[in-house]
Amino acid sequence: MIGKKWAMEVKPKIAEHLPKETKSDLPPKLLKAAALIAYHQPMPQSRLVELLGQKAYDHIRELAQAGLVGRRRDGNTRRLTTTRRFSEMFGCPHTDRKKVKAWFREMVDSSGLLDGMEGKLALRDEVEDDGSVQTTLGVTESE
């Protein structure tokens, strides 16, 4: 159960018979943007554009239309966060953005995706106007 909704995982053989609305396949281009938002939320839209380039605007629009990402105005940019739908789609047991962020980071750490990449990562802490620290993982076009 996620929040007040149930999530169900089904075998691929059964999934092909489910209505289109229940399927959650995202193109890889959107997965990268969604992952960065989940890992760094709340993330300034301008920062995602720095990491992914101008195509980030299209990715954000598609993710928002799919109900996976929330966008709130924050000065000249927008703050991007994950939504309840994101938690449901990716099997996260939390809906609170701080808990989703912690859960997502734990999943990344436990998956070993970053193992051996320590020398290649461009981690940079940015101090926000509210005093919070935003740690950013650099991403190149080839990733």
C-alpha atoms as a PDB file:
ATOM      1  CA  MET A   1       0.000   0.000   0.000  1.00  0.00           C
ATOM      2  CA  ILE A   2       1.324   3.446  -0.961  1.00  0.00           C
ATOM      3  CA  GLY A   3      -0.325   6.237   0.959  1.00  0.00           C
ATOM      4  CA  LYS A   4      -4.005   5.341   0.668  1.00  0.00           C
ATOM      5  CA  LYS A   5      -3.671   3.496  -2.644  1.00  0.00           C
ATOM      6  CA  TRP A   6      -2.691  -0.030  -3.521  1.00  0.00           C
ATOM      7  CA  ALA A   7       0.019  -0.881  -6.026  1.00  0.00           C
ATOM      8  CA  MET A   8       0.185  -4.259  -7.730  1.00  0.00           C
ATOM      9  CA  GLU A   9       3.034  -5.918  -9.561  1.00  0.00           C
ATOM     10  CA  VAL A  10       2.024  -8.440 -12.187  1.00  0.00           C
ATOM     11  CA  LYS A  11       3.887 -10.896 -14.399  1.00  0.00           C
ATOM     12  CA  PRO A  12       4.709  -9.662 -17.916  1.00  0.00           C
ATOM     13  CA  LYS A  13       2.507 -12.418 -19.358  1.00  0.00           C
ATOM     14  CA  ILE A  14      -0.510 -10.928 -17.547  1.00  0.00           C
ATOM     15  CA  ALA A  15       0.531  -7.289 -17.988  1.00  0.00           C
ATOM     16  CA  GLU A  16       0.024  -7.391 -21.751  1.00  0.00           C
ATOM     17  CA  HIS A  17      -3.717  -7.946 -21.149  1.00  0.00           C
ATOM     18  CA  LEU A  18      -4.130  -4.937 -18.843  1.00  0.00           C
ATOM     19  CA  PRO A  19      -5.565  -1.617 -20.065  1.00  0.00           C
ATOM     20  CA  LYS A  20      -3.067   0.888 -21.457  1.00  0.00           C
ATOM     21  CA  GLU A  21      -3.687   3.268 -18.521  1.00  0.00           C
ATOM     22  CA  THR A  22      -2.211   0.741 -16.075  1.00  0.00           C
ATOM     23  CA  LYS A  23       1.084   0.373 -17.933  1.00  0.00           C
ATOM     24  CA  SER A  24       3.987   2.504 -16.816  1.00  0.00           C
ATOM     25  CA  ASP A  25       6.710   2.149 -19.415  1.00  0.00           C
ATOM     26  CA  LEU A  26       8.773   5.298 -19.652  1.00  0.00           C
ATOM     27  CA  PRO A  27      11.278   5.947 -22.411  1.00  0.00           C
ATOM     28  CA  PRO A  28      14.912   5.919 -21.181  1.00  0.00           C
ATOM     29  CA  LYS A  29      15.246   9.666 -21.894  1.00  0.00           C
ATOM     30  CA  LEU A  30      12.499  10.340 -19.344  1.00  0.00           C
ATOM     31  CA  LEU A  31      13.863   7.819 -16.852  1.00  0.00           C
ATOM     32  CA  LYS A  32      17.139   9.741 -16.620  1.00  0.00           C
ATOM     33  CA  ALA A  33      15.321  13.022 -15.930  1.00  0.00           C
ATOM     34  CA  ALA A  34      12.948  11.358 -13.432  1.00  0.00           C
ATOM     35  CA  ALA A  35      15.869   9.708 -11.637  1.00  0.00           C
ATOM     36  CA  LEU A  36      17.778  12.979 -11.327  1.00  0.00           C
ATOM     37  CA  ILE A  37      14.696  14.750  -9.979  1.00  0.00           C
ATOM     38  CA  ALA A  38      14.025  11.974  -7.441  1.00  0.00           C
ATOM     39  CA  TYR A  39      17.676  11.872  -6.346  1.00  0.00           C
ATOM     40  CA  HIS A  40      18.031  15.645  -5.925  1.00  0.00           C
ATOM     41  CA  GLN A  41      14.525  16.856  -5.088  1.00  0.00           C
ATOM     42  CA  PRO A  42      13.467  19.522  -4.647  1.00  0.00           C
ATOM     43  CA  MET A  43      15.495  20.290  -7.734  1.00  0.00           C
ATOM     44  CA  PRO A  44      15.578  23.641  -9.511  1.00  0.00           C
ATOM     45  CA  GLN A  45      14.468  23.190 -13.125  1.00  0.00           C
ATOM     46  CA  SER A  46      17.419  25.357 -14.155  1.00  0.00           C
ATOM     47  CA  ARG A  47      19.791  22.794 -12.612  1.00  0.00           C
ATOM     48  CA  LEU A  48      18.222  19.933 -14.560  1.00  0.00           C
ATOM     49  CA  VAL A  49      18.646  22.003 -17.723  1.00  0.00           C
ATOM     50  CA  GLU A  50      22.343  22.466 -16.837  1.00  0.00           C
ATOM     51  CA  LEU A  51      22.718  18.694 -16.530  1.00  0.00           C
ATOM     52  CA  LEU A  52      20.637  17.543 -19.509  1.00  0.00           C
ATOM     53  CA  GLY A  53      20.574  20.560 -21.809  1.00  0.00           C
ATOM     54  CA  GLN A  54      17.587  22.225 -23.449  1.00  0.00           C
ATOM     55  CA  LYS A  55      15.849  18.876 -23.988  1.00  0.00           C
ATOM     56  CA  ALA A  56      15.186  18.861 -20.225  1.00  0.00           C
ATOM     57  CA  TYR A  57      12.254  21.239 -20.771  1.00  0.00           C
ATOM     58  CA  ASP A  58      10.524  18.642 -22.966  1.00  0.00           C
ATOM     59  CA  HIS A  59      11.323  15.847 -20.505  1.00  0.00           C
ATOM     60  CA  ILE A  60       9.899  17.856 -17.600  1.00  0.00           C
ATOM     61  CA  ARG A  61       6.744  18.641 -19.571  1.00  0.00           C
ATOM     62  CA  GLU A  62       6.235  14.951 -20.440  1.00  0.00           C
ATOM     63  CA  LEU A  63       6.893  13.832 -16.847  1.00  0.00           C
ATOM     64  CA  ALA A  64       4.448  16.438 -15.537  1.00  0.00           C
ATOM     65  CA  GLN A  65       1.800  15.383 -18.079  1.00  0.00           C
ATOM     66  CA  ALA A  66       2.270  11.776 -16.928  1.00  0.00           C
ATOM     67  CA  GLY A  67       1.696  12.967 -13.357  1.00  0.00           C
ATOM     68  CA  LEU A  68       5.159  11.873 -12.185  1.00  0.00           C
ATOM     69  CA  VAL A  69       6.662  15.278 -11.435  1.00  0.00           C
ATOM     70  CA  GLY A  70       5.332  18.393  -9.755  1.00  0.00           C
ATOM     71  CA  ARG A  71       6.492  21.857 -10.864  1.00  0.00           C
ATOM     72  CA  ARG A  72       6.179  24.887  -8.594  1.00  0.00           C
ATOM     73  CA  ARG A  73       7.256  28.390  -9.486  1.00  0.00           C
ATOM     74  CA  ASP A  74      10.254  29.556  -7.481  1.00  0.00           C
ATOM     75  CA  GLY A  75      11.503  32.928  -8.699  1.00  0.00           C
ATOM     76  CA  ASN A  76      12.799  32.626 -12.263  1.00  0.00           C
ATOM     77  CA  THR A  77      12.810  28.826 -12.194  1.00  0.00           C
ATOM     78  CA  ARG A  78      10.584  26.016 -10.972  1.00  0.00           C
ATOM     79  CA  ARG A  79      11.136  23.515  -8.180  1.00  0.00           C
ATOM     80  CA  LEU A  80      10.739  19.946  -9.366  1.00  0.00           C
ATOM     81  CA  THR A  81       9.572  17.182  -7.047  1.00  0.00           C
ATOM     82  CA  THR A  82       8.179  13.695  -7.439  1.00  0.00           C
ATOM     83  CA  THR A  83       4.478  12.966  -6.998  1.00  0.00           C
ATOM     84  CA  ARG A  84       2.367  10.207  -5.502  1.00  0.00           C
ATOM     85  CA  ARG A  85       2.113   8.731  -9.010  1.00  0.00           C
ATOM     86  CA  PHE A  86       5.931   8.538  -9.145  1.00  0.00           C
ATOM     87  CA  SER A  87       5.931   6.551  -5.885  1.00  0.00           C
ATOM     88  CA  GLU A  88       3.256   4.225  -7.214  1.00  0.00           C
ATOM     89  CA  MET A  89       5.032   3.677 -10.522  1.00  0.00           C
ATOM     90  CA  PHE A  90       8.423   2.903  -9.021  1.00  0.00           C
ATOM     91  CA  GLY A  91       7.213   0.967  -5.986  1.00  0.00           C
ATOM     92  CA  CYS A  92       8.337   3.493  -3.400  1.00  0.00           C
ATOM     93  CA  PRO A  93       6.489   2.917  -0.108  1.00  0.00           C
ATOM     94  CA  HIS A  94       6.537   6.664   0.686  1.00  0.00           C
ATOM     95  CA  THR A  95       4.833   9.745  -0.710  1.00  0.00           C
ATOM     96  CA  ASP A  96       6.564  12.429   1.379  1.00  0.00           C
ATOM     97  CA  ARG A  97       9.249  13.953  -0.883  1.00  0.00           C
ATOM     98  CA  LYS A  98      12.002  13.745   1.757  1.00  0.00           C
ATOM     99  CA  LYS A  99      11.255  10.070   2.354  1.00  0.00           C
ATOM    100  CA  VAL A 100      11.047   9.402  -1.388  1.00  0.00           C
ATOM    101  CA  LYS A 101      14.438  11.096  -1.855  1.00  0.00           C
ATOM    102  CA  ALA A 102      15.990   9.033   0.956  1.00  0.00           C
ATOM    103  CA  TRP A 103      14.421   5.824  -0.388  1.00  0.00           C
ATOM    104  CA  PHE A 104      15.584   6.556  -3.944  1.00  0.00           C
ATOM    105  CA  ARG A 105      19.140   7.317  -2.805  1.00  0.00           C
ATOM    106  CA  GLU A 106      19.162   4.104  -0.783  1.00  0.00           C
ATOM    107  CA  MET A 107      18.044   2.145  -3.867  1.00  0.00           C
ATOM    108  CA  VAL A 108      20.796   3.736  -5.975  1.00  0.00           C
ATOM    109  CA  ASP A 109      23.436   3.042  -3.314  1.00  0.00           C
ATOM    110  CA  SER A 110      22.338  -0.566  -2.790  1.00  0.00           C
ATOM    111  CA  SER A 111      22.136  -1.232  -6.541  1.00  0.00           C
ATOM    112  CA  GLY A 112      25.833  -0.522  -6.992  1.00  0.00           C
ATOM    113  CA  LEU A 113      25.135   1.793  -9.928  1.00  0.00           C
ATOM    114  CA  LEU A 114      27.718   4.259  -8.686  1.00  0.00           C
ATOM    115  CA  ASP A 115      30.379   1.705  -7.722  1.00  0.00           C
ATOM    116  CA  GLY A 116      33.687   2.474  -9.380  1.00  0.00           C
ATOM    117  CA  MET A 117      32.491   5.856 -10.574  1.00  0.00           C
ATOM    118  CA  GLU A 118      33.744   7.899  -7.630  1.00  0.00           C
ATOM    119  CA  GLY A 119      36.537   9.482  -9.688  1.00  0.00           C
ATOM    120  CA  LYS A 120      34.152  10.376 -12.529  1.00  0.00           C
ATOM    121  CA  LEU A 121      31.427  11.997 -10.476  1.00  0.00           C
ATOM    122  CA  ALA A 122      31.231  15.738 -10.376  1.00  0.00           C
ATOM    123  CA  LEU A 123      29.581  16.302  -7.015  1.00  0.00           C
ATOM    124  CA  ARG A 124      28.944  19.892  -6.170  1.00  0.00           C
ATOM    125  CA  ASP A 125      27.130  21.361  -3.217  1.00  0.00           C
ATOM    126  CA  GLU A 126      25.093  24.451  -3.931  1.00  0.00           C
ATOM    127  CA  VAL A 127      23.793  26.517  -1.033  1.00  0.00           C
ATOM    128  CA  GLU A 128      20.252  27.648  -1.762  1.00  0.00           C
ATOM    129  CA  ASP A 129      18.740  30.988  -0.690  1.00  0.00           C
ATOM    130  CA  ASP A 130      16.927  29.248   2.162  1.00  0.00           C
ATOM    131  CA  GLY A 131      20.235  27.889   3.509  1.00  0.00           C
ATOM    132  CA  SER A 132      19.668  24.322   2.328  1.00  0.00           C
ATOM    133  CA  VAL A 133      22.412  22.474   0.485  1.00  0.00           C
ATOM    134  CA  GLN A 134      21.759  20.961  -2.943  1.00  0.00           C
ATOM    135  CA  THR A 135      24.217  18.204  -3.871  1.00  0.00           C
ATOM    136  CA  THR A 136      24.383  17.613  -7.590  1.00  0.00           C
ATOM    137  CA  LEU A 137      25.646  14.657  -9.559  1.00  0.00           C
ATOM    138  CA  GLY A 138      27.120  15.675 -12.882  1.00  0.00           C
ATOM    139  CA  VAL A 139      25.760  13.882 -15.936  1.00  0.00           C
ATOM    140  CA  THR A 140      27.270  13.847 -19.388  1.00  0.00           C
ATOM    141  CA  GLU A 141      25.482  13.344 -22.685  1.00  0.00           C
ATOM    142  CA  SER A 142      26.971   9.849 -23.086  1.00  0.00           C
ATOM    143  CA  GLU A 143      25.429   8.570 -19.851  1.00  0.00           C
END
